Amino acid sequence: MKPKRIILIRHGESEGNVNRHAYETIPDYKLNLTENGINQAFACGADLRKITGNESCFFYVSPLWRTRQTFQEIIKSFDPVSIISREEPRIREQEWGHLKNIDECKRIDAERDHYGTFYYRIPDGESAADVYDRVSDFFGTLHRDFEKPDFPENCIIVTHGMTLRLFLMKWFHWTVEEFERLKNPKNCSIIIIENIGNGKYTMLSQLETHSPQNH
C-alpha cells in the first residue's frame, strides 16, 4: 500500500554543525547531537505527531549516531508500541573520508564548489553522485515495501542534508543543475511528500536556493 505521506527529516544540530574542529578527532559517524540538537529533535517529534496523528508510521533511520539520537527523541512523542523502524545504511550521509583538519575541510569545500557539488568526489570519500547511486538502490527496497498490503500510512526517513536532497532529486527526477541550486534543509526540518492519488506525489515543503552567483 503506497503511504499517504513520505516524510524526510534531517537530523538535529550535531557537534560537527557547530564546530568543524570536531572532524579532526571524531569520525563522522560518531558525531553526537548537541544539547540544542536534542531539543530540536524532541520538538520535531511533537510536530511530526501533529502531522500524523494516530496514523501508522514506518521509520527508516540512518545508522550514524546523530540520526539515531534524533530518532530516539522523535519517538518520545509517539506510542512506542505503534513504532516500526529499520536501520538503513544506504541513507547515511556522504562519506567525508578519514579524519581531516579544519584547513583541509575548507579546501575541500572550496574545491567542490568550484568543480561541481554533484560530481566532485571527496578524497577517500564519496561524490554526491555516489550517494545518489546508493539512494537509488534504496528505492528498490522502498517500492517493494510499499507493495505490502499492510505498509503503514506514513513513511518517515531520518537522514542527512545531502542525502535528503539526493532522495528528492531521484524521486522528482530533478536535473543535476536543479539539485545543485538547492540548499540543505535546516536541522530537524520536516519535508513532506504527499500522495495526491493515481500513484502521484507532490512536495508540500520548499527548500531554499543558492544565489545565482554561487551556482
Protein backbone atom coordinates (compact mmCIF):
# COMPACT_ATOMS: atom_id res chain seq x y z
CA MET A 1 0.00 0.00 0.00
CA LYS A 2 1.56 3.30 -1.03
CA PRO A 3 1.80 5.56 2.01
CA LYS A 4 -0.27 8.69 2.47
CA ARG A 5 2.93 10.62 3.10
CA ILE A 6 6.68 10.25 2.70
CA ILE A 7 8.31 12.46 5.30
CA LEU A 8 12.01 13.31 5.22
CA ILE A 9 13.75 14.64 8.34
CA ARG A 10 17.29 15.95 8.65
CA HIS A 11 18.98 15.13 11.98
CA GLY A 12 19.23 17.69 14.78
CA GLU A 13 22.19 20.01 15.26
CA SER A 14 25.36 17.96 15.73
CA GLU A 15 28.83 18.60 17.11
CA GLY A 16 30.12 18.91 13.56
CA ASN A 17 27.50 21.53 12.67
CA VAL A 18 28.70 23.92 15.38
CA ASN A 19 32.43 23.10 15.48
CA ARG A 20 34.19 21.76 12.40
CA HIS A 21 37.28 21.05 14.51
CA ALA A 22 35.30 18.01 15.71
CA TYR A 23 36.15 16.35 12.38
CA GLU A 24 39.83 16.37 13.38
CA THR A 25 39.34 13.87 16.21
CA ILE A 26 35.88 12.29 15.88
CA PRO A 27 34.85 10.01 12.99
CA ASP A 28 31.85 11.47 11.17
CA TYR A 29 29.57 8.57 12.13
CA LYS A 30 30.31 9.14 15.84
CA LEU A 31 29.33 12.80 15.98
CA ASN A 32 26.63 13.35 18.60
CA LEU A 33 23.78 15.81 18.81
CA THR A 34 24.39 18.98 20.79
CA GLU A 35 22.01 19.87 23.61
CA ASN A 36 20.28 22.19 21.16
CA GLY A 37 20.10 19.33 18.66
CA ILE A 38 18.41 17.10 21.24
CA ASN A 39 15.83 19.83 21.90
CA GLN A 40 15.29 20.28 18.17
CA ALA A 41 14.69 16.56 17.72
CA PHE A 42 12.21 16.40 20.59
CA ALA A 43 10.29 19.39 19.19
CA CYS A 44 10.40 17.78 15.75
CA GLY A 45 8.75 14.68 17.21
CA ALA A 46 5.91 16.76 18.64
CA ASP A 47 5.41 18.48 15.27
CA LEU A 48 5.53 15.16 13.46
CA ARG A 49 2.91 13.69 15.78
CA LYS A 50 0.61 16.62 14.95
CA ILE A 51 1.02 15.81 11.25
CA THR A 52 0.48 12.05 11.52
CA GLY A 53 -1.94 11.96 14.46
CA ASN A 54 -2.77 8.36 15.29
CA GLU A 55 -1.84 7.10 11.83
CA SER A 56 0.66 4.25 11.48
CA CYS A 57 4.32 5.11 10.81
CA PHE A 58 7.35 3.29 9.47
CA PHE A 59 10.75 4.87 10.19
CA TYR A 60 13.88 4.29 8.11
CA VAL A 61 16.86 5.60 10.07
CA SER A 62 20.45 6.26 9.02
CA PRO A 63 22.85 4.36 11.34
CA LEU A 64 25.04 7.39 12.11
CA TRP A 65 24.85 8.34 15.77
CA ARG A 66 23.28 11.78 15.24
CA THR A 67 20.40 10.35 13.21
CA ARG A 68 19.78 7.52 15.67
CA GLN A 69 19.73 10.06 18.52
CA THR A 70 17.33 12.23 16.54
CA PHE A 71 15.03 9.24 16.03
CA GLN A 72 15.10 8.39 19.74
CA GLU A 73 14.00 11.93 20.62
CA ILE A 74 11.31 11.99 17.91
CA ILE A 75 9.59 8.82 19.06
CA LYS A 76 9.16 10.15 22.60
CA SER A 77 6.05 11.84 21.17
CA PHE A 78 4.66 8.51 19.91
CA ASP A 79 3.26 5.36 21.44
CA PRO A 80 6.30 3.00 21.36
CA VAL A 81 4.08 0.02 20.58
CA SER A 82 2.98 1.65 17.32
CA ILE A 83 6.51 2.40 16.09
CA ILE A 84 8.03 0.27 13.34
CA SER A 85 11.60 1.13 12.40
CA ARG A 86 14.54 -0.15 10.41
CA GLU A 87 18.15 0.96 10.35
CA GLU A 88 19.11 1.71 6.75
CA PRO A 89 22.84 2.26 5.95
CA ARG A 90 22.13 3.38 2.37
CA ILE A 91 20.65 6.65 3.63
CA ARG A 92 23.76 7.62 5.62
CA GLU A 93 25.48 10.93 4.87
CA GLN A 94 28.04 11.46 2.12
CA GLU A 95 31.34 9.89 3.19
CA TRP A 96 33.95 12.50 4.04
CA GLY A 97 36.80 10.01 4.26
CA HIS A 98 39.05 9.85 7.30
CA LEU A 99 39.76 12.47 9.96
CA LYS A 100 40.55 15.86 8.45
CA ASN A 101 41.75 19.12 9.96
CA ILE A 102 39.79 22.33 9.54
CA ASP A 103 42.04 23.69 6.77
CA GLU A 104 41.60 20.51 4.73
CA CYS A 105 37.82 20.68 5.20
CA LYS A 106 37.76 24.27 3.96
CA ARG A 107 39.97 23.38 0.99
CA ILE A 108 37.62 20.54 0.01
CA ASP A 109 34.59 22.82 0.36
CA ALA A 110 36.11 25.40 -1.98
CA GLU A 111 37.31 22.80 -4.48
CA ARG A 112 33.91 21.07 -4.53
CA ASP A 113 32.05 24.35 -5.04
CA HIS A 114 34.33 25.20 -7.97
CA TYR A 115 34.24 21.73 -9.55
CA GLY A 116 30.54 20.98 -9.02
CA THR A 117 28.80 19.59 -5.94
CA PHE A 118 27.25 16.60 -7.67
CA TYR A 119 30.36 15.25 -9.40
CA TYR A 120 33.18 16.16 -7.02
CA ARG A 121 34.48 13.13 -5.12
CA ILE A 122 35.88 13.88 -1.67
CA PRO A 123 39.36 12.34 -1.21
CA ASP A 124 38.92 8.92 0.45
CA GLY A 125 35.18 9.61 0.40
CA GLU A 126 32.22 9.90 -1.96
CA SER A 127 30.78 12.23 -4.54
CA ALA A 128 27.12 13.24 -4.37
CA ALA A 129 26.75 11.04 -7.47
CA ASP A 130 27.93 8.06 -5.40
CA VAL A 131 25.33 8.83 -2.75
CA TYR A 132 22.70 9.17 -5.48
CA ASP A 133 23.53 5.63 -6.62
CA ARG A 134 23.02 4.08 -3.18
CA VAL A 135 19.86 6.13 -2.60
CA SER A 136 18.62 4.78 -5.95
CA ASP A 137 19.31 1.26 -4.73
CA PHE A 138 17.34 2.03 -1.55
CA PHE A 139 14.39 2.98 -3.76
CA GLY A 140 14.10 -0.65 -4.82
CA THR A 141 13.61 -1.70 -1.20
CA LEU A 142 11.23 1.19 -0.61
CA HIS A 143 8.98 0.28 -3.53
CA ARG A 144 8.92 -3.39 -2.51
CA ASP A 145 7.89 -2.33 0.98
CA PHE A 146 5.18 -0.11 -0.48
CA GLU A 147 3.71 -3.12 -2.26
CA LYS A 148 2.96 -4.82 1.06
CA PRO A 149 -0.77 -4.58 1.81
CA ASP A 150 -0.16 -3.60 5.44
CA PHE A 151 2.51 -0.94 4.87
CA PRO A 152 1.88 1.99 7.27
CA GLU A 153 0.24 5.25 6.26
CA ASN A 154 3.42 7.28 6.78
CA CYS A 155 6.93 6.52 5.57
CA ILE A 156 9.38 8.58 7.64
CA ILE A 157 13.06 8.81 6.70
CA VAL A 158 15.51 10.21 9.27
CA THR A 159 18.61 11.12 7.33
CA HIS A 160 21.10 13.89 6.45
CA GLY A 161 21.08 17.11 4.46
CA MET A 162 22.90 16.00 1.32
CA THR A 163 21.25 12.58 1.27
CA LEU A 164 17.83 14.17 1.72
CA ARG A 165 18.36 16.41 -1.31
CA LEU A 166 19.53 13.46 -3.39
CA PHE A 167 16.45 11.47 -2.36
CA LEU A 168 14.29 14.33 -3.65
CA MET A 169 16.37 14.55 -6.83
CA LYS A 170 15.74 10.86 -7.53
CA TRP A 171 12.06 10.94 -6.54
CA PHE A 172 11.15 14.00 -8.61
CA HIS A 173 13.62 13.38 -11.46
CA TRP A 174 15.47 16.65 -10.92
CA THR A 175 18.44 17.52 -13.12
CA VAL A 176 21.94 17.93 -11.70
CA GLU A 177 21.55 21.71 -12.05
CA GLU A 178 18.26 21.70 -10.15
CA PHE A 179 19.87 19.65 -7.37
CA GLU A 180 22.90 21.95 -7.09
CA ARG A 181 20.70 25.04 -6.95
CA LEU A 182 19.09 23.91 -3.67
CA LYS A 183 20.44 24.22 -0.13
CA ASN A 184 20.29 21.54 2.52
CA PRO A 185 17.27 21.93 4.81
CA LYS A 186 17.88 23.21 8.33
CA ASN A 187 18.40 20.72 11.17
CA CYS A 188 15.22 18.83 12.04
CA SER A 189 13.30 20.30 9.12
CA ILE A 190 10.29 18.21 8.12
CA ILE A 191 9.92 17.76 4.36
CA ILE A 192 6.54 16.33 3.37
CA ILE A 193 5.79 14.49 0.12
CA GLU A 194 2.05 13.82 -0.06
CA ASN A 195 0.13 11.21 -2.04
CA ILE A 196 -2.35 13.02 -4.33
CA GLY A 197 -3.77 9.88 -5.91
CA ASN A 198 -3.12 7.82 -9.04
CA GLY A 199 0.29 6.89 -7.63
CA LYS A 200 1.49 10.51 -7.81
CA TYR A 201 3.08 12.58 -5.06
CA THR A 202 3.66 16.29 -4.58
CA MET A 203 6.14 18.04 -2.28
CA LEU A 204 4.44 20.35 0.20
CA SER A 205 7.70 21.81 1.51
CA GLN A 206 10.20 24.07 -0.25
CA LEU A 207 13.98 24.14 0.02
CA GLU A 208 15.96 27.37 -0.05
CA THR A 209 18.07 28.10 -3.13
CA HIS A 210 21.62 29.34 -3.56
CA SER A 211 22.19 32.79 -5.01
CA PRO A 212 22.84 32.75 -8.80
CA GLN A 213 26.46 33.85 -8.42
CA ASN A 214 27.26 30.73 -6.37
CA HIS A 215 25.73 28.27 -8.82
